[in-house]
Amino acid sequence: MDATLTMPQAAVPLVKSSLELKHRALELNQRAYKQRLDHFEQAHQMTSDQFAARFSNGELGDASEWFEWEFALDALKQTEQQLELLDSVRL
């Protein structure tokens, strides 16, 4: 469902620059989460998908590092969803 936003023409550059700033911040977060996931994957010799399956099945225990990996994986997914949504905005 699309929505229409009404604003003064003078506000358009401000809104555009705010959206661009948010996009850059999300891209930085995305890179940081990917680097964190790469670290976990290399350290434990499994992909994040393999980790997620094993962790959700209770195969890995309750070490704090597993929860950190889960957080980074979820945060990356949310960040990518936000980027996709932001990319769909047209002014």
N, C-alpha and C. Protein backbone atom coordinates (compact mmCIF):
# COMPACT_ATOMS: atom_id res chain seq x y z
N MET A 1 0.84 -1.17 0.00
CA MET A 1 0.00 0.00 0.00
C MET A 1 0.89 1.23 0.00
N ASP A 2 0.62 2.14 -0.90
CA ASP A 2 1.36 3.39 -0.97
C ASP A 2 0.66 4.45 -0.14
N ALA A 3 1.43 5.41 0.31
CA ALA A 3 0.89 6.54 1.05
C ALA A 3 1.42 7.82 0.43
N THR A 4 0.67 8.87 0.59
CA THR A 4 1.06 10.17 0.08
C THR A 4 1.42 11.06 1.26
N LEU A 5 2.50 11.76 1.11
CA LEU A 5 2.99 12.67 2.14
C LEU A 5 2.93 14.08 1.58
N THR A 6 2.30 14.97 2.31
CA THR A 6 2.19 16.36 1.87
C THR A 6 3.12 17.22 2.72
N MET A 7 3.91 18.05 2.01
CA MET A 7 4.83 18.94 2.72
C MET A 7 5.11 20.14 1.83
N PRO A 8 5.56 21.22 2.43
CA PRO A 8 5.95 22.38 1.61
C PRO A 8 7.13 21.99 0.71
N GLN A 9 7.17 22.54 -0.47
CA GLN A 9 8.25 22.25 -1.42
C GLN A 9 9.62 22.53 -0.80
N ALA A 10 9.69 23.55 0.04
CA ALA A 10 10.96 23.91 0.67
C ALA A 10 11.46 22.81 1.61
N ALA A 11 10.59 21.95 2.07
CA ALA A 11 10.98 20.88 2.99
C ALA A 11 11.57 19.66 2.27
N VAL A 12 11.34 19.55 0.97
CA VAL A 12 11.79 18.37 0.22
C VAL A 12 13.30 18.15 0.34
N PRO A 13 14.14 19.18 0.14
CA PRO A 13 15.59 18.93 0.28
C PRO A 13 15.98 18.45 1.68
N LEU A 14 15.32 18.97 2.69
CA LEU A 14 15.61 18.55 4.06
C LEU A 14 15.22 17.09 4.27
N VAL A 15 14.07 16.70 3.77
CA VAL A 15 13.62 15.31 3.91
C VAL A 15 14.55 14.39 3.13
N LYS A 16 14.92 14.78 1.91
CA LYS A 16 15.83 13.96 1.10
C LYS A 16 17.17 13.78 1.80
N SER A 17 17.71 14.86 2.33
CA SER A 17 19.03 14.74 2.99
C SER A 17 18.91 13.89 4.26
N SER A 18 17.81 13.97 4.95
CA SER A 18 17.61 13.14 6.14
C SER A 18 17.53 11.67 5.76
N LEU A 19 16.82 11.37 4.68
CA LEU A 19 16.74 9.99 4.21
C LEU A 19 18.10 9.47 3.75
N GLU A 20 18.86 10.32 3.08
CA GLU A 20 20.20 9.92 2.63
C GLU A 20 21.12 9.66 3.83
N LEU A 21 21.01 10.49 4.84
CA LEU A 21 21.81 10.30 6.05
C LEU A 21 21.45 8.99 6.74
N LYS A 22 20.17 8.72 6.84
CA LYS A 22 19.72 7.46 7.44
C LYS A 22 20.22 6.28 6.62
N HIS A 23 20.19 6.40 5.30
CA HIS A 23 20.66 5.33 4.43
C HIS A 23 22.13 5.05 4.66
N ARG A 24 22.93 6.11 4.74
CA ARG A 24 24.37 5.93 5.00
C ARG A 24 24.62 5.28 6.36
N ALA A 25 23.86 5.68 7.37
CA ALA A 25 24.02 5.09 8.70
C ALA A 25 23.67 3.60 8.67
N LEU A 26 22.60 3.25 7.96
CA LEU A 26 22.22 1.85 7.85
C LEU A 26 23.28 1.05 7.11
N GLU A 27 23.86 1.62 6.07
CA GLU A 27 24.93 0.94 5.34
C GLU A 27 26.15 0.69 6.22
N LEU A 28 26.49 1.67 7.06
CA LEU A 28 27.60 1.48 8.00
C LEU A 28 27.30 0.35 8.98
N ASN A 29 26.07 0.34 9.50
CA ASN A 29 25.68 -0.73 10.41
C ASN A 29 25.72 -2.08 9.70
N GLN A 30 25.25 -2.11 8.47
CA GLN A 30 25.24 -3.35 7.69
C GLN A 30 26.65 -3.90 7.55
N ARG A 31 27.60 -3.03 7.21
CA ARG A 31 28.99 -3.47 7.07
C ARG A 31 29.54 -3.99 8.40
N ALA A 32 29.23 -3.29 9.47
CA ALA A 32 29.73 -3.71 10.79
C ALA A 32 29.15 -5.06 11.19
N TYR A 33 27.86 -5.27 10.96
CA TYR A 33 27.25 -6.56 11.30
C TYR A 33 27.82 -7.68 10.43
N LYS A 34 28.05 -7.40 9.15
CA LYS A 34 28.64 -8.42 8.28
C LYS A 34 30.05 -8.79 8.74
N GLN A 35 30.82 -7.81 9.16
CA GLN A 35 32.17 -8.09 9.65
C GLN A 35 32.11 -8.94 10.92
N ARG A 36 31.15 -8.61 11.78
CA ARG A 36 31.00 -9.38 13.03
C ARG A 36 30.60 -10.82 12.71
N LEU A 37 29.68 -10.99 11.76
CA LEU A 37 29.26 -12.33 11.37
C LEU A 37 30.43 -13.10 10.74
N ASP A 38 31.22 -12.43 9.92
CA ASP A 38 32.41 -13.08 9.33
C ASP A 38 33.34 -13.58 10.43
N HIS A 39 33.52 -12.77 11.46
CA HIS A 39 34.37 -13.18 12.58
C HIS A 39 33.84 -14.45 13.24
N PHE A 40 32.53 -14.45 13.54
CA PHE A 40 31.94 -15.64 14.16
C PHE A 40 32.07 -16.86 13.26
N GLU A 41 31.80 -16.69 11.97
CA GLU A 41 31.85 -17.81 11.03
C GLU A 41 33.26 -18.40 10.94
N GLN A 42 34.26 -17.54 10.89
CA GLN A 42 35.63 -18.03 10.82
C GLN A 42 36.05 -18.69 12.13
N ALA A 43 35.67 -18.07 13.23
CA ALA A 43 36.08 -18.60 14.54
C ALA A 43 35.45 -19.96 14.83
N HIS A 44 34.24 -20.19 14.31
CA HIS A 44 33.53 -21.43 14.64
C HIS A 44 33.33 -22.36 13.45
N GLN A 45 33.93 -22.00 12.32
CA GLN A 45 33.91 -22.86 11.13
C GLN A 45 32.50 -23.32 10.74
N MET A 46 31.56 -22.37 10.74
CA MET A 46 30.22 -22.66 10.25
C MET A 46 29.61 -21.36 9.75
N THR A 47 28.68 -21.48 8.83
CA THR A 47 28.01 -20.30 8.31
C THR A 47 26.99 -19.80 9.34
N SER A 48 26.53 -18.59 9.15
CA SER A 48 25.51 -18.05 10.05
C SER A 48 24.20 -18.82 9.92
N ASP A 49 23.88 -19.31 8.73
CA ASP A 49 22.69 -20.14 8.56
C ASP A 49 22.82 -21.45 9.33
N GLN A 50 23.99 -22.06 9.27
CA GLN A 50 24.22 -23.29 10.04
C GLN A 50 24.11 -23.00 11.53
N PHE A 51 24.72 -21.89 11.95
CA PHE A 51 24.64 -21.50 13.35
C PHE A 51 23.19 -21.32 13.78
N ALA A 52 22.41 -20.58 13.00
CA ALA A 52 21.02 -20.29 13.37
C ALA A 52 20.23 -21.57 13.54
N ALA A 53 20.42 -22.52 12.63
CA ALA A 53 19.70 -23.79 12.72
C ALA A 53 20.12 -24.56 13.97
N ARG A 54 21.41 -24.64 14.21
CA ARG A 54 21.90 -25.39 15.37
C ARG A 54 21.52 -24.71 16.68
N PHE A 55 21.59 -23.38 16.70
CA PHE A 55 21.26 -22.64 17.93
C PHE A 55 19.78 -22.77 18.25
N SER A 56 18.93 -22.66 17.23
CA SER A 56 17.49 -22.78 17.48
C SER A 56 17.09 -24.19 17.87
N ASN A 57 17.89 -25.18 17.50
CA ASN A 57 17.63 -26.56 17.91
C ASN A 57 18.22 -26.89 19.28
N GLY A 58 18.89 -25.93 19.89
CA GLY A 58 19.45 -26.14 21.22
C GLY A 58 20.73 -26.94 21.24
N GLU A 59 21.41 -27.03 20.10
CA GLU A 59 22.62 -27.85 20.00
C GLU A 59 23.88 -27.16 20.53
N LEU A 60 23.82 -25.85 20.75
CA LEU A 60 25.06 -25.12 21.05
C LEU A 60 25.18 -24.65 22.49
N GLY A 61 24.15 -24.79 23.28
CA GLY A 61 24.24 -24.34 24.67
C GLY A 61 23.89 -22.88 24.83
N ASP A 62 24.30 -22.33 25.98
CA ASP A 62 23.89 -20.97 26.35
C ASP A 62 25.05 -20.00 26.52
N ALA A 63 26.17 -20.25 25.86
CA ALA A 63 27.31 -19.34 25.98
C ALA A 63 26.93 -17.96 25.44
N SER A 64 27.44 -16.92 26.07
CA SER A 64 27.09 -15.56 25.68
C SER A 64 27.47 -15.26 24.23
N GLU A 65 28.52 -15.89 23.75
CA GLU A 65 28.95 -15.65 22.37
C GLU A 65 27.87 -16.07 21.37
N TRP A 66 27.13 -17.14 21.67
CA TRP A 66 26.06 -17.56 20.76
C TRP A 66 24.96 -16.50 20.70
N PHE A 67 24.68 -15.89 21.83
CA PHE A 67 23.65 -14.85 21.86
C PHE A 67 24.13 -13.60 21.12
N GLU A 68 25.43 -13.32 21.22
CA GLU A 68 25.99 -12.20 20.47
C GLU A 68 25.89 -12.46 18.96
N TRP A 69 26.16 -13.68 18.56
CA TRP A 69 26.06 -14.06 17.14
C TRP A 69 24.60 -13.93 16.68
N GLU A 70 23.69 -14.43 17.51
CA GLU A 70 22.27 -14.34 17.17
C GLU A 70 21.83 -12.88 17.03
N PHE A 71 22.31 -12.02 17.96
CA PHE A 71 21.97 -10.61 17.88
C PHE A 71 22.48 -10.00 16.59
N ALA A 72 23.74 -10.26 16.23
CA ALA A 72 24.32 -9.69 15.02
C ALA A 72 23.58 -10.16 13.79
N LEU A 73 23.17 -11.41 13.77
CA LEU A 73 22.44 -11.96 12.64
C LEU A 73 21.06 -11.31 12.52
N ASP A 74 20.35 -11.19 13.63
CA ASP A 74 19.04 -10.54 13.62
C ASP A 74 19.16 -9.06 13.27
N ALA A 75 20.17 -8.40 13.80
CA ALA A 75 20.37 -6.98 13.52
C ALA A 75 20.67 -6.76 12.05
N LEU A 76 21.46 -7.64 11.44
CA LEU A 76 21.75 -7.52 10.01
C LEU A 76 20.46 -7.67 9.21
N LYS A 77 19.65 -8.65 9.53
CA LYS A 77 18.39 -8.85 8.81
C LYS A 77 17.49 -7.64 8.93
N GLN A 78 17.37 -7.09 10.12
CA GLN A 78 16.53 -5.90 10.32
C GLN A 78 17.09 -4.70 9.57
N THR A 79 18.40 -4.54 9.60
CA THR A 79 19.05 -3.44 8.88
C THR A 79 18.80 -3.56 7.39
N GLU A 80 18.91 -4.77 6.85
CA GLU A 80 18.68 -4.97 5.43
C GLU A 80 17.22 -4.73 5.06
N GLN A 81 16.30 -5.07 5.94
CA GLN A 81 14.88 -4.78 5.70
C GLN A 81 14.65 -3.27 5.69
N GLN A 82 15.29 -2.56 6.60
CA GLN A 82 15.14 -1.11 6.65
C GLN A 82 15.73 -0.46 5.40
N LEU A 83 16.87 -0.96 4.95
CA LEU A 83 17.47 -0.43 3.72
C LEU A 83 16.56 -0.65 2.52
N GLU A 84 15.98 -1.83 2.44
CA GLU A 84 15.07 -2.14 1.33
C GLU A 84 13.85 -1.20 1.37
N LEU A 85 13.32 -0.99 2.55
CA LEU A 85 12.18 -0.08 2.68
C LEU A 85 12.58 1.34 2.32
N LEU A 86 13.70 1.77 2.81
CA LEU A 86 14.17 3.12 2.51
C LEU A 86 14.43 3.30 1.01
N ASP A 87 14.94 2.27 0.36
CA ASP A 87 15.18 2.34 -1.08
C ASP A 87 13.88 2.44 -1.88
N SER A 88 12.77 2.05 -1.29
CA SER A 88 11.49 2.11 -1.99
C SER A 88 10.83 3.49 -1.89
N VAL A 89 11.37 4.36 -1.06
CA VAL A 89 10.79 5.70 -0.88
C VAL A 89 11.15 6.57 -2.08
N ARG A 90 10.16 7.21 -2.64
CA ARG A 90 10.35 8.11 -3.78
C ARG A 90 9.80 9.48 -3.44
N LEU A 91 10.63 10.50 -3.64
CA LEU A 91 10.20 11.88 -3.42
C LEU A 91 10.21 12.63 -4.74
